[in-house]
N, C-alpha and C. Protein backbone atom coordinates (compact mmCIF):
# COMPACT_ATOMS: atom_id res chain seq x y z
N MET A 1 -41.57 -33.05 -7.44
CA MET A 1 -42.17 -31.80 -7.71
C MET A 1 -43.42 -31.95 -8.55
N ARG A 2 -44.46 -31.24 -8.26
CA ARG A 2 -45.74 -31.26 -8.98
C ARG A 2 -45.88 -29.92 -9.63
N ASN A 3 -46.38 -29.96 -10.90
CA ASN A 3 -46.49 -28.65 -11.66
C ASN A 3 -47.55 -27.79 -11.12
N TYR A 4 -48.66 -28.36 -10.59
CA TYR A 4 -49.72 -27.60 -9.94
C TYR A 4 -50.28 -28.27 -8.71
N PRO A 5 -49.73 -27.91 -7.49
CA PRO A 5 -50.31 -28.49 -6.29
C PRO A 5 -51.79 -28.09 -6.09
N TRP A 6 -52.15 -26.96 -6.71
CA TRP A 6 -53.59 -26.54 -6.73
C TRP A 6 -53.77 -25.71 -7.96
N THR A 7 -55.04 -25.63 -8.37
CA THR A 7 -55.46 -24.79 -9.49
C THR A 7 -56.85 -24.37 -9.19
N SER A 8 -57.57 -23.85 -10.22
CA SER A 8 -58.99 -23.42 -10.08
C SER A 8 -59.81 -23.98 -11.14
N LEU A 9 -61.10 -24.11 -10.92
CA LEU A 9 -62.02 -24.60 -11.91
C LEU A 9 -62.03 -23.63 -13.14
N ALA A 10 -62.11 -24.15 -14.31
CA ALA A 10 -62.21 -23.36 -15.50
C ALA A 10 -63.75 -23.04 -15.79
N ASN A 11 -64.61 -24.03 -15.39
CA ASN A 11 -66.05 -23.91 -15.54
C ASN A 11 -66.73 -24.39 -14.31
N THR A 12 -67.95 -23.89 -14.06
CA THR A 12 -68.68 -24.26 -12.92
C THR A 12 -68.94 -25.79 -12.97
N ALA A 13 -68.76 -26.45 -11.85
CA ALA A 13 -68.96 -27.93 -11.72
C ALA A 13 -70.33 -28.06 -11.09
N THR A 14 -71.26 -28.71 -11.75
CA THR A 14 -72.65 -28.77 -11.35
C THR A 14 -72.87 -29.99 -10.51
N ILE A 15 -74.01 -30.00 -9.76
CA ILE A 15 -74.46 -31.12 -9.01
C ILE A 15 -74.60 -32.34 -9.95
N GLY A 16 -74.06 -33.46 -9.54
CA GLY A 16 -74.19 -34.69 -10.31
C GLY A 16 -73.01 -34.92 -11.32
N ALA A 17 -72.23 -33.92 -11.50
CA ALA A 17 -71.12 -34.09 -12.45
C ALA A 17 -70.03 -35.03 -11.89
N ASN A 18 -69.45 -35.85 -12.76
CA ASN A 18 -68.35 -36.70 -12.34
C ASN A 18 -67.08 -36.37 -13.06
N THR A 19 -67.07 -35.19 -13.72
CA THR A 19 -65.84 -34.64 -14.33
C THR A 19 -65.78 -33.13 -13.97
N ILE A 20 -64.60 -32.64 -13.88
CA ILE A 20 -64.39 -31.23 -13.75
C ILE A 20 -63.40 -30.75 -14.73
N THR A 21 -63.38 -29.45 -15.10
CA THR A 21 -62.43 -28.88 -16.00
C THR A 21 -61.65 -27.84 -15.15
N VAL A 22 -60.28 -27.99 -15.08
CA VAL A 22 -59.51 -27.06 -14.32
C VAL A 22 -58.79 -26.10 -15.32
N GLN A 23 -58.22 -25.00 -14.77
CA GLN A 23 -57.64 -23.96 -15.61
C GLN A 23 -56.22 -24.35 -16.12
N ASP A 24 -55.53 -25.19 -15.42
CA ASP A 24 -54.15 -25.49 -15.76
C ASP A 24 -53.94 -26.94 -16.13
N PRO A 25 -52.96 -27.27 -16.98
CA PRO A 25 -52.68 -28.62 -17.36
C PRO A 25 -51.92 -29.44 -16.22
N VAL A 26 -52.68 -30.07 -15.42
CA VAL A 26 -52.09 -30.69 -14.25
C VAL A 26 -51.38 -31.99 -14.52
N ASP A 27 -50.40 -32.43 -13.71
CA ASP A 27 -49.77 -33.74 -13.82
C ASP A 27 -50.31 -34.72 -12.87
N TRP A 28 -51.53 -34.57 -12.43
CA TRP A 28 -52.19 -35.42 -11.46
C TRP A 28 -52.44 -36.76 -12.14
N LYS A 29 -52.51 -37.82 -11.25
CA LYS A 29 -52.61 -39.16 -11.77
C LYS A 29 -53.76 -39.93 -11.19
N VAL A 30 -54.18 -41.00 -11.89
CA VAL A 30 -55.28 -41.83 -11.46
C VAL A 30 -54.94 -42.41 -10.09
N GLY A 31 -55.88 -42.37 -9.15
CA GLY A 31 -55.72 -42.90 -7.78
C GLY A 31 -55.35 -41.86 -6.79
N GLU A 32 -55.02 -40.65 -7.25
CA GLU A 32 -54.64 -39.54 -6.33
C GLU A 32 -55.90 -38.88 -5.84
N GLU A 33 -55.84 -38.21 -4.68
CA GLU A 33 -56.95 -37.53 -4.11
C GLU A 33 -56.88 -36.05 -4.32
N ILE A 34 -58.06 -35.45 -4.60
CA ILE A 34 -58.14 -33.99 -4.67
C ILE A 34 -59.30 -33.54 -3.76
N VAL A 35 -59.33 -32.22 -3.56
CA VAL A 35 -60.49 -31.62 -2.88
C VAL A 35 -60.89 -30.38 -3.66
N ILE A 36 -62.19 -30.20 -3.84
CA ILE A 36 -62.77 -29.04 -4.55
C ILE A 36 -63.42 -28.20 -3.49
N ALA A 37 -62.92 -26.93 -3.39
CA ALA A 37 -63.38 -26.03 -2.38
C ALA A 37 -64.80 -25.69 -2.57
N SER A 38 -65.46 -25.35 -1.42
CA SER A 38 -66.81 -24.85 -1.40
C SER A 38 -66.85 -23.50 -1.99
N THR A 39 -67.90 -23.15 -2.73
CA THR A 39 -68.16 -21.76 -3.16
C THR A 39 -69.46 -21.19 -2.59
N SER A 40 -70.03 -21.88 -1.60
CA SER A 40 -71.22 -21.34 -0.98
C SER A 40 -70.78 -20.76 0.41
N PHE A 41 -71.68 -20.43 1.21
CA PHE A 41 -71.32 -19.91 2.61
C PHE A 41 -71.05 -21.06 3.54
N ASP A 42 -71.20 -22.28 3.10
CA ASP A 42 -71.02 -23.45 3.95
C ASP A 42 -69.69 -24.16 3.58
N HIS A 43 -68.64 -24.05 4.40
CA HIS A 43 -67.41 -24.63 4.06
C HIS A 43 -67.45 -26.16 4.05
N TYR A 44 -68.45 -26.75 4.62
CA TYR A 44 -68.63 -28.24 4.60
C TYR A 44 -68.99 -28.71 3.20
N GLU A 45 -69.25 -27.87 2.28
CA GLU A 45 -69.56 -28.24 0.88
C GLU A 45 -68.30 -28.48 0.02
N ALA A 46 -67.12 -28.38 0.67
CA ALA A 46 -65.92 -28.83 -0.03
C ALA A 46 -66.05 -30.39 -0.27
N GLU A 47 -65.61 -30.82 -1.40
CA GLU A 47 -65.83 -32.22 -1.73
C GLU A 47 -64.45 -32.88 -2.07
N ARG A 48 -64.17 -34.03 -1.44
CA ARG A 48 -62.98 -34.78 -1.63
C ARG A 48 -63.25 -35.96 -2.59
N ARG A 49 -62.49 -36.14 -3.60
CA ARG A 49 -62.67 -37.23 -4.55
C ARG A 49 -61.38 -37.84 -4.94
N THR A 50 -61.42 -39.03 -5.51
CA THR A 50 -60.31 -39.77 -6.03
C THR A 50 -60.36 -39.61 -7.60
N ILE A 51 -59.19 -39.42 -8.20
CA ILE A 51 -59.15 -39.26 -9.66
C ILE A 51 -59.16 -40.64 -10.34
N THR A 52 -60.06 -40.76 -11.35
CA THR A 52 -60.09 -41.99 -12.09
C THR A 52 -59.56 -41.80 -13.53
N ALA A 53 -59.41 -40.60 -14.05
CA ALA A 53 -58.85 -40.33 -15.31
C ALA A 53 -58.48 -38.85 -15.41
N VAL A 54 -57.45 -38.56 -16.26
CA VAL A 54 -57.08 -37.13 -16.48
C VAL A 54 -56.78 -37.09 -18.02
N SER A 55 -57.38 -36.09 -18.62
CA SER A 55 -57.14 -35.84 -20.03
C SER A 55 -57.04 -34.37 -20.27
N GLY A 56 -55.76 -33.89 -20.44
CA GLY A 56 -55.61 -32.39 -20.56
C GLY A 56 -55.98 -31.73 -19.24
N THR A 57 -57.03 -30.88 -19.35
CA THR A 57 -57.50 -30.16 -18.16
C THR A 57 -58.78 -30.74 -17.57
N THR A 58 -59.17 -31.94 -18.12
CA THR A 58 -60.43 -32.59 -17.65
C THR A 58 -60.02 -33.70 -16.68
N VAL A 59 -60.63 -33.66 -15.51
CA VAL A 59 -60.35 -34.62 -14.48
C VAL A 59 -61.63 -35.40 -14.18
N THR A 60 -61.56 -36.72 -14.27
CA THR A 60 -62.71 -37.58 -13.97
C THR A 60 -62.68 -38.05 -12.55
N LEU A 61 -63.81 -37.97 -11.90
CA LEU A 61 -63.82 -38.32 -10.41
C LEU A 61 -64.52 -39.71 -10.14
N ASN A 62 -64.20 -40.25 -9.00
CA ASN A 62 -64.71 -41.56 -8.63
C ASN A 62 -66.20 -41.52 -8.20
N ALA A 63 -66.71 -40.31 -7.93
CA ALA A 63 -68.14 -40.19 -7.47
C ALA A 63 -68.63 -38.85 -7.96
N SER A 64 -69.92 -38.81 -8.18
CA SER A 64 -70.59 -37.50 -8.68
C SER A 64 -70.56 -36.46 -7.58
N LEU A 65 -70.57 -35.21 -7.96
CA LEU A 65 -70.55 -34.12 -6.97
C LEU A 65 -71.95 -33.94 -6.36
N ILE A 66 -71.90 -33.64 -5.10
CA ILE A 66 -73.17 -33.41 -4.32
C ILE A 66 -73.55 -31.92 -4.32
N HIS A 67 -72.51 -31.05 -4.51
CA HIS A 67 -72.76 -29.59 -4.45
C HIS A 67 -72.25 -28.95 -5.78
N GLN A 68 -72.77 -27.75 -6.06
CA GLN A 68 -72.23 -26.99 -7.16
C GLN A 68 -71.04 -26.23 -6.69
N HIS A 69 -70.06 -26.11 -7.64
CA HIS A 69 -68.81 -25.39 -7.32
C HIS A 69 -68.65 -24.35 -8.40
N PHE A 70 -68.78 -23.09 -8.07
CA PHE A 70 -68.84 -22.01 -9.06
C PHE A 70 -67.51 -21.70 -9.64
N ALA A 71 -67.49 -21.28 -10.89
CA ALA A 71 -66.28 -20.76 -11.63
C ALA A 71 -66.80 -19.73 -12.62
N GLY A 72 -66.38 -18.51 -12.42
CA GLY A 72 -66.74 -17.43 -13.33
C GLY A 72 -66.13 -16.12 -12.96
N VAL A 73 -66.58 -15.06 -13.66
CA VAL A 73 -66.07 -13.75 -13.40
C VAL A 73 -67.24 -12.84 -13.08
N GLU A 74 -67.10 -12.12 -11.94
CA GLU A 74 -68.17 -11.22 -11.50
C GLU A 74 -67.69 -9.80 -11.85
N ASN A 75 -68.65 -8.96 -12.27
CA ASN A 75 -68.38 -7.60 -12.62
C ASN A 75 -68.85 -6.68 -11.52
N TYR A 76 -68.02 -5.75 -11.03
CA TYR A 76 -68.39 -4.78 -10.00
C TYR A 76 -67.91 -3.42 -10.54
N GLY A 77 -68.88 -2.79 -11.26
CA GLY A 77 -68.58 -1.52 -11.92
C GLY A 77 -67.61 -1.85 -13.03
N THR A 78 -66.45 -1.22 -13.00
CA THR A 78 -65.42 -1.47 -14.07
C THR A 78 -64.44 -2.57 -13.67
N ASP A 79 -64.61 -3.12 -12.44
CA ASP A 79 -63.68 -4.14 -11.95
C ASP A 79 -64.29 -5.50 -12.31
N LYS A 80 -63.37 -6.46 -12.63
CA LYS A 80 -63.75 -7.85 -12.88
C LYS A 80 -63.02 -8.70 -11.76
N VAL A 81 -63.79 -9.56 -11.17
CA VAL A 81 -63.19 -10.36 -10.11
C VAL A 81 -63.39 -11.87 -10.42
N GLU A 82 -62.25 -12.58 -10.54
CA GLU A 82 -62.27 -14.02 -10.74
C GLU A 82 -62.94 -14.68 -9.51
N MET A 83 -63.95 -15.49 -9.71
CA MET A 83 -64.58 -16.19 -8.58
C MET A 83 -64.60 -17.62 -8.99
N ARG A 84 -63.61 -18.42 -8.56
CA ARG A 84 -63.52 -19.81 -8.98
C ARG A 84 -63.19 -20.73 -7.78
N ALA A 85 -63.76 -21.91 -7.73
CA ALA A 85 -63.43 -22.90 -6.74
C ALA A 85 -61.96 -23.35 -6.93
N GLU A 86 -61.22 -23.39 -5.86
CA GLU A 86 -59.86 -23.96 -5.96
C GLU A 86 -60.06 -25.47 -5.94
N VAL A 87 -59.09 -26.14 -6.68
CA VAL A 87 -59.01 -27.64 -6.64
C VAL A 87 -57.63 -27.96 -6.31
N ALA A 88 -57.46 -28.65 -5.19
CA ALA A 88 -56.11 -28.96 -4.64
C ALA A 88 -55.85 -30.44 -4.64
N LEU A 89 -54.61 -30.79 -4.95
CA LEU A 89 -54.13 -32.14 -4.90
C LEU A 89 -53.68 -32.41 -3.48
N LEU A 90 -54.19 -33.50 -2.88
CA LEU A 90 -53.88 -33.86 -1.51
C LEU A 90 -52.76 -34.90 -1.44
N THR A 91 -52.62 -35.68 -2.48
CA THR A 91 -51.70 -36.79 -2.52
C THR A 91 -50.21 -36.37 -2.81
N ARG A 92 -49.25 -36.87 -2.13
CA ARG A 92 -47.87 -36.68 -2.45
C ARG A 92 -47.15 -38.05 -2.25
N ASN A 93 -45.95 -38.19 -2.85
CA ASN A 93 -45.17 -39.43 -2.69
C ASN A 93 -44.56 -39.56 -1.32
N ILE A 94 -44.11 -38.48 -0.78
CA ILE A 94 -43.47 -38.51 0.55
C ILE A 94 -44.61 -38.15 1.54
N LYS A 95 -44.68 -38.94 2.62
CA LYS A 95 -45.79 -38.74 3.61
C LYS A 95 -45.21 -38.71 5.02
N VAL A 96 -45.69 -37.74 5.78
CA VAL A 96 -45.40 -37.63 7.26
C VAL A 96 -46.77 -37.79 7.90
N THR A 97 -46.90 -38.81 8.81
CA THR A 97 -48.16 -39.05 9.41
C THR A 97 -48.02 -39.60 10.81
N GLY A 98 -49.10 -39.33 11.57
CA GLY A 98 -49.22 -39.94 12.85
C GLY A 98 -49.70 -41.35 12.68
N ASP A 99 -49.88 -42.15 13.71
CA ASP A 99 -50.42 -43.47 13.63
C ASP A 99 -51.92 -43.48 13.50
N PRO A 100 -52.54 -44.63 13.21
CA PRO A 100 -53.98 -44.66 13.08
C PRO A 100 -54.83 -44.15 14.27
N SER A 101 -54.24 -44.15 15.45
CA SER A 101 -54.97 -43.65 16.60
C SER A 101 -54.89 -42.12 16.78
N SER A 102 -54.16 -41.43 15.90
CA SER A 102 -53.92 -40.05 16.11
C SER A 102 -55.18 -39.19 16.26
N GLN A 103 -56.17 -39.41 15.39
CA GLN A 103 -57.42 -38.64 15.46
C GLN A 103 -58.19 -38.87 16.71
N GLN A 104 -58.26 -40.13 17.07
CA GLN A 104 -58.97 -40.51 18.34
C GLN A 104 -58.26 -39.89 19.56
N ASN A 105 -56.97 -40.00 19.61
CA ASN A 105 -56.20 -39.43 20.71
C ASN A 105 -55.84 -37.98 20.68
N ASN A 106 -56.16 -37.33 19.53
CA ASN A 106 -55.88 -35.90 19.42
C ASN A 106 -54.38 -35.67 19.52
N TYR A 107 -53.53 -36.55 19.04
CA TYR A 107 -52.06 -36.56 19.24
C TYR A 107 -51.42 -37.16 18.02
N GLY A 108 -50.88 -36.30 17.10
CA GLY A 108 -50.27 -36.77 15.87
C GLY A 108 -48.83 -36.37 15.71
N ALA A 109 -48.37 -36.59 14.57
CA ALA A 109 -46.95 -36.27 14.21
C ALA A 109 -46.78 -34.73 14.18
N HIS A 110 -45.56 -34.27 14.32
CA HIS A 110 -45.24 -32.85 14.11
C HIS A 110 -43.78 -32.72 13.63
N LEU A 111 -43.57 -31.62 12.92
CA LEU A 111 -42.21 -31.31 12.43
C LEU A 111 -41.84 -29.95 12.87
N MET A 112 -40.83 -29.80 13.75
CA MET A 112 -40.41 -28.51 14.30
C MET A 112 -38.96 -28.26 13.84
N MET A 113 -38.75 -27.04 13.32
CA MET A 113 -37.43 -26.56 13.03
C MET A 113 -37.04 -25.57 14.12
N ALA A 114 -35.98 -25.88 14.85
CA ALA A 114 -35.49 -25.00 15.89
C ALA A 114 -34.03 -24.69 15.57
N GLY A 115 -33.51 -23.68 16.11
CA GLY A 115 -32.16 -23.21 15.77
C GLY A 115 -32.17 -22.07 14.72
N SER A 116 -30.98 -21.65 14.32
CA SER A 116 -30.97 -20.51 13.44
C SER A 116 -30.06 -20.84 12.19
N ALA A 117 -30.27 -20.02 11.20
CA ALA A 117 -29.40 -20.17 9.99
C ALA A 117 -27.93 -19.95 10.30
N GLU A 118 -27.68 -19.04 11.29
CA GLU A 118 -26.26 -18.79 11.67
C GLU A 118 -25.59 -20.03 12.27
N ASN A 119 -26.42 -20.89 12.81
CA ASN A 119 -25.91 -22.10 13.34
C ASN A 119 -26.12 -23.35 12.41
N GLY A 120 -26.44 -23.02 11.16
CA GLY A 120 -26.56 -24.15 10.14
C GLY A 120 -27.93 -24.56 9.77
N LEU A 121 -28.99 -23.95 10.32
CA LEU A 121 -30.36 -24.39 9.95
C LEU A 121 -30.67 -23.99 8.54
N VAL A 122 -31.01 -24.98 7.73
CA VAL A 122 -31.58 -24.80 6.42
C VAL A 122 -32.64 -25.88 6.28
N ALA A 123 -33.89 -25.49 6.07
CA ALA A 123 -35.01 -26.45 5.95
C ALA A 123 -35.76 -26.23 4.65
N ASN A 124 -35.68 -27.19 3.75
CA ASN A 124 -36.42 -27.10 2.49
C ASN A 124 -37.39 -28.26 2.52
N ILE A 125 -38.63 -27.96 2.85
CA ILE A 125 -39.74 -28.87 2.97
C ILE A 125 -40.62 -28.70 1.74
N ALA A 126 -40.59 -29.67 0.86
CA ALA A 126 -41.32 -29.50 -0.41
C ALA A 126 -42.01 -30.75 -0.84
N TYR A 127 -43.27 -30.55 -1.32
CA TYR A 127 -44.05 -31.62 -2.03
C TYR A 127 -44.17 -32.87 -1.10
N THR A 128 -44.57 -32.59 0.10
CA THR A 128 -44.73 -33.67 1.11
C THR A 128 -46.19 -33.66 1.57
N GLU A 129 -46.74 -34.80 1.85
CA GLU A 129 -48.10 -34.91 2.37
C GLU A 129 -48.04 -35.17 3.88
N PHE A 130 -48.72 -34.31 4.63
CA PHE A 130 -48.79 -34.43 6.10
C PHE A 130 -50.23 -34.70 6.46
N PHE A 131 -50.46 -35.75 7.25
CA PHE A 131 -51.80 -35.98 7.75
C PHE A 131 -51.71 -36.70 9.14
N ASN A 132 -52.79 -36.65 9.90
CA ASN A 132 -52.83 -37.10 11.23
C ASN A 132 -51.70 -36.42 12.01
N CYS A 133 -51.51 -35.12 11.80
CA CYS A 133 -50.48 -34.44 12.52
C CYS A 133 -51.03 -33.34 13.44
N GLY A 134 -50.12 -32.84 14.29
CA GLY A 134 -50.49 -31.84 15.29
C GLY A 134 -50.84 -32.49 16.61
N GLN A 135 -50.48 -31.68 17.66
CA GLN A 135 -50.78 -32.09 19.06
C GLN A 135 -51.33 -30.90 19.80
N PRO A 136 -52.66 -30.66 19.65
CA PRO A 136 -53.20 -29.40 20.14
C PRO A 136 -53.16 -29.31 21.64
N ARG A 137 -52.97 -30.36 22.38
CA ARG A 137 -52.89 -30.22 23.87
C ARG A 137 -51.55 -29.79 24.35
N ILE A 138 -50.55 -29.73 23.41
CA ILE A 138 -49.21 -29.36 23.80
C ILE A 138 -48.79 -28.14 22.97
N ILE A 139 -48.46 -27.08 23.58
CA ILE A 139 -48.09 -25.76 22.90
C ILE A 139 -46.92 -26.04 21.97
N GLY A 140 -47.02 -25.54 20.75
CA GLY A 140 -45.87 -25.60 19.84
C GLY A 140 -45.77 -26.84 19.03
N ARG A 141 -46.75 -27.74 19.07
CA ARG A 141 -46.70 -28.99 18.37
C ARG A 141 -47.67 -28.99 17.16
N TYR A 142 -47.26 -28.23 16.09
CA TYR A 142 -48.00 -28.07 14.92
C TYR A 142 -47.50 -28.95 13.79
N CYS A 143 -48.24 -29.11 12.72
CA CYS A 143 -47.86 -29.96 11.63
C CYS A 143 -46.48 -29.57 11.13
N ILE A 144 -46.27 -28.26 10.71
CA ILE A 144 -44.99 -27.75 10.22
C ILE A 144 -44.74 -26.52 11.07
N HIS A 145 -43.66 -26.44 11.82
CA HIS A 145 -43.47 -25.38 12.76
C HIS A 145 -41.97 -24.84 12.67
N PHE A 146 -41.82 -23.64 12.34
CA PHE A 146 -40.54 -22.94 12.39
C PHE A 146 -40.60 -22.12 13.66
N HIS A 147 -39.61 -22.31 14.60
CA HIS A 147 -39.68 -21.72 15.92
C HIS A 147 -38.39 -20.91 16.26
N MET A 148 -38.55 -19.57 16.30
CA MET A 148 -37.48 -18.66 16.74
C MET A 148 -36.22 -18.84 15.93
N ASN A 149 -36.34 -18.92 14.63
CA ASN A 149 -35.22 -19.18 13.73
C ASN A 149 -34.47 -17.95 13.21
N GLY A 150 -35.13 -16.77 13.32
CA GLY A 150 -34.56 -15.54 12.76
C GLY A 150 -34.58 -15.63 11.24
N ASP A 151 -33.53 -15.14 10.64
CA ASP A 151 -33.43 -15.05 9.11
C ASP A 151 -33.12 -16.42 8.58
N VAL A 152 -34.04 -16.95 7.83
CA VAL A 152 -33.88 -18.30 7.19
C VAL A 152 -34.16 -18.14 5.68
N SER A 153 -33.55 -17.16 5.07
CA SER A 153 -33.86 -16.83 3.64
C SER A 153 -33.45 -17.97 2.76
N GLY A 154 -32.66 -18.95 3.14
CA GLY A 154 -32.32 -20.12 2.33
C GLY A 154 -33.28 -21.30 2.49
N SER A 155 -34.33 -21.10 3.28
CA SER A 155 -35.31 -22.21 3.52
C SER A 155 -36.62 -21.93 2.91
N TYR A 156 -37.37 -23.03 2.71
CA TYR A 156 -38.73 -22.79 2.16
C TYR A 156 -39.66 -23.97 2.55
N VAL A 157 -40.93 -23.65 2.46
CA VAL A 157 -42.07 -24.66 2.69
C VAL A 157 -42.90 -24.53 1.41
N ARG A 158 -42.76 -25.45 0.47
CA ARG A 158 -43.32 -25.30 -0.87
C ARG A 158 -44.04 -26.53 -1.33
N GLY A 159 -45.30 -26.29 -1.77
CA GLY A 159 -46.06 -27.35 -2.48
C GLY A 159 -46.51 -28.50 -1.63
N ASN A 160 -46.55 -28.34 -0.36
CA ASN A 160 -46.98 -29.43 0.61
C ASN A 160 -48.51 -29.54 0.66
N ALA A 161 -48.97 -30.64 1.13
CA ALA A 161 -50.41 -30.88 1.36
C ALA A 161 -50.57 -31.34 2.79
N VAL A 162 -51.33 -30.58 3.59
CA VAL A 162 -51.55 -30.97 5.00
C VAL A 162 -53.09 -31.14 5.11
N HIS A 163 -53.50 -32.31 5.57
CA HIS A 163 -54.96 -32.59 5.62
C HIS A 163 -55.27 -33.53 6.82
N ASP A 164 -56.54 -33.46 7.20
CA ASP A 164 -57.00 -34.39 8.26
C ASP A 164 -56.09 -34.35 9.49
N SER A 165 -55.92 -33.14 10.03
CA SER A 165 -54.97 -32.92 11.12
C SER A 165 -55.53 -32.07 12.18
N MET A 166 -54.89 -32.05 13.40
CA MET A 166 -55.42 -31.49 14.57
C MET A 166 -54.88 -30.08 14.91
N ALA A 167 -53.85 -29.58 14.21
CA ALA A 167 -53.26 -28.29 14.63
C ALA A 167 -52.46 -27.62 13.55
N ARG A 168 -53.08 -26.67 12.79
CA ARG A 168 -52.45 -25.77 11.91
C ARG A 168 -51.61 -26.49 10.79
N VAL A 169 -51.50 -25.74 9.65
CA VAL A 169 -50.73 -26.24 8.52
C VAL A 169 -49.27 -25.87 8.71
N VAL A 170 -49.04 -24.52 8.71
CA VAL A 170 -47.69 -23.98 8.92
C VAL A 170 -47.73 -22.89 10.02
N THR A 171 -46.81 -22.98 10.93
CA THR A 171 -46.73 -22.01 12.01
C THR A 171 -45.35 -21.38 12.00
N LEU A 172 -45.28 -20.03 12.08
CA LEU A 172 -43.99 -19.31 12.05
C LEU A 172 -43.95 -18.45 13.31
N HIS A 173 -42.95 -18.68 14.15
CA HIS A 173 -42.70 -17.85 15.32
C HIS A 173 -41.29 -17.30 15.25
N GLY A 174 -41.13 -15.98 15.23
CA GLY A 174 -39.82 -15.43 15.21
C GLY A 174 -38.99 -15.78 14.01
N VAL A 175 -39.62 -15.77 12.81
CA VAL A 175 -39.02 -16.22 11.58
C VAL A 175 -38.98 -15.11 10.54
N HIS A 176 -37.92 -14.94 9.83
CA HIS A 176 -37.82 -13.90 8.85
C HIS A 176 -37.39 -14.50 7.47
N PHE A 177 -37.93 -14.06 6.40
CA PHE A 177 -37.53 -14.32 5.02
C PHE A 177 -37.70 -15.80 4.67
N LEU A 178 -38.58 -16.51 5.32
CA LEU A 178 -38.90 -17.85 4.89
C LEU A 178 -39.89 -17.83 3.75
N THR A 179 -39.61 -18.57 2.70
CA THR A 179 -40.60 -18.67 1.61
C THR A 179 -41.61 -19.71 1.90
N VAL A 180 -42.91 -19.35 1.89
CA VAL A 180 -44.03 -20.28 2.09
C VAL A 180 -44.93 -20.14 0.88
N GLU A 181 -45.02 -21.15 0.01
CA GLU A 181 -45.75 -20.91 -1.23
C GLU A 181 -46.38 -22.23 -1.75
N HIS A 182 -47.50 -22.15 -2.41
CA HIS A 182 -48.19 -23.25 -3.12
C HIS A 182 -48.54 -24.41 -2.22
N ASN A 183 -48.74 -24.15 -0.90
CA ASN A 183 -49.14 -25.21 -0.01
C ASN A 183 -50.62 -25.34 0.09
N VAL A 184 -51.11 -26.50 0.45
CA VAL A 184 -52.54 -26.80 0.46
C VAL A 184 -52.88 -27.28 1.90
N GLY A 185 -54.00 -26.78 2.45
CA GLY A 185 -54.49 -27.23 3.74
C GLY A 185 -56.00 -27.58 3.58
N TYR A 186 -56.37 -28.71 4.12
CA TYR A 186 -57.78 -29.15 4.04
C TYR A 186 -58.05 -29.95 5.29
N ASN A 187 -59.17 -29.64 5.95
CA ASN A 187 -59.66 -30.34 7.12
C ASN A 187 -58.61 -30.38 8.25
N VAL A 188 -58.08 -29.11 8.55
CA VAL A 188 -57.06 -28.97 9.59
C VAL A 188 -57.67 -27.95 10.58
N LYS A 189 -57.53 -28.27 11.88
CA LYS A 189 -58.12 -27.43 12.93
C LYS A 189 -57.17 -26.24 13.19
N GLY A 190 -57.80 -25.14 13.56
CA GLY A 190 -57.05 -23.90 13.94
C GLY A 190 -56.77 -23.01 12.73
N HIS A 191 -56.09 -21.90 12.95
CA HIS A 191 -55.64 -21.00 11.93
C HIS A 191 -54.58 -21.75 11.11
N ASN A 192 -54.92 -22.04 9.84
CA ASN A 192 -54.05 -22.92 9.08
C ASN A 192 -52.66 -22.35 8.82
N PHE A 193 -52.55 -21.06 8.52
CA PHE A 193 -51.27 -20.41 8.35
C PHE A 193 -51.11 -19.38 9.46
N PHE A 194 -50.28 -19.69 10.39
CA PHE A 194 -50.24 -18.98 11.65
C PHE A 194 -48.87 -18.28 11.84
N VAL A 195 -48.93 -16.97 11.89
CA VAL A 195 -47.69 -16.13 12.02
C VAL A 195 -47.74 -15.45 13.37
């Protein structure tokens, strides 16, 4: 379990910076990968970096930032709106992945839950890293897929990271009361959370 699979910037990260300050005291470690979301109109300005040091809420990066990532509060009349780049941890200890040819062949790993809770289905998928997953040429082959399960109130999809994949983060078809929370998706094709 990770205390913060994702958080937000505490301060704007400027072009050329090699450290960022996040809002929460993360348990992230040297060598793990993060992604800092774009705050412009260009989603390609998201930046992926490797952590070289962590001290409290300050995270040091392996390379300087190429783009600015905004963090602040905007006022709209009497309303205040938090406008902050999200910072997400991509690394997990447990990994589900396709083979090295997955991207080239557009054919990766997938995890499908079929059946119902009445017949014993309980799926607790937590703090796992999925990459090179999804099979977009085959219907129903998404990275994490719950299919026609009905009421699965004892199941959850929590704190996972899905990245560099060909078809959706989490897909729910005919599912009720499934908890889906604190998951991260980056560089995944299609509607990432698909109901």
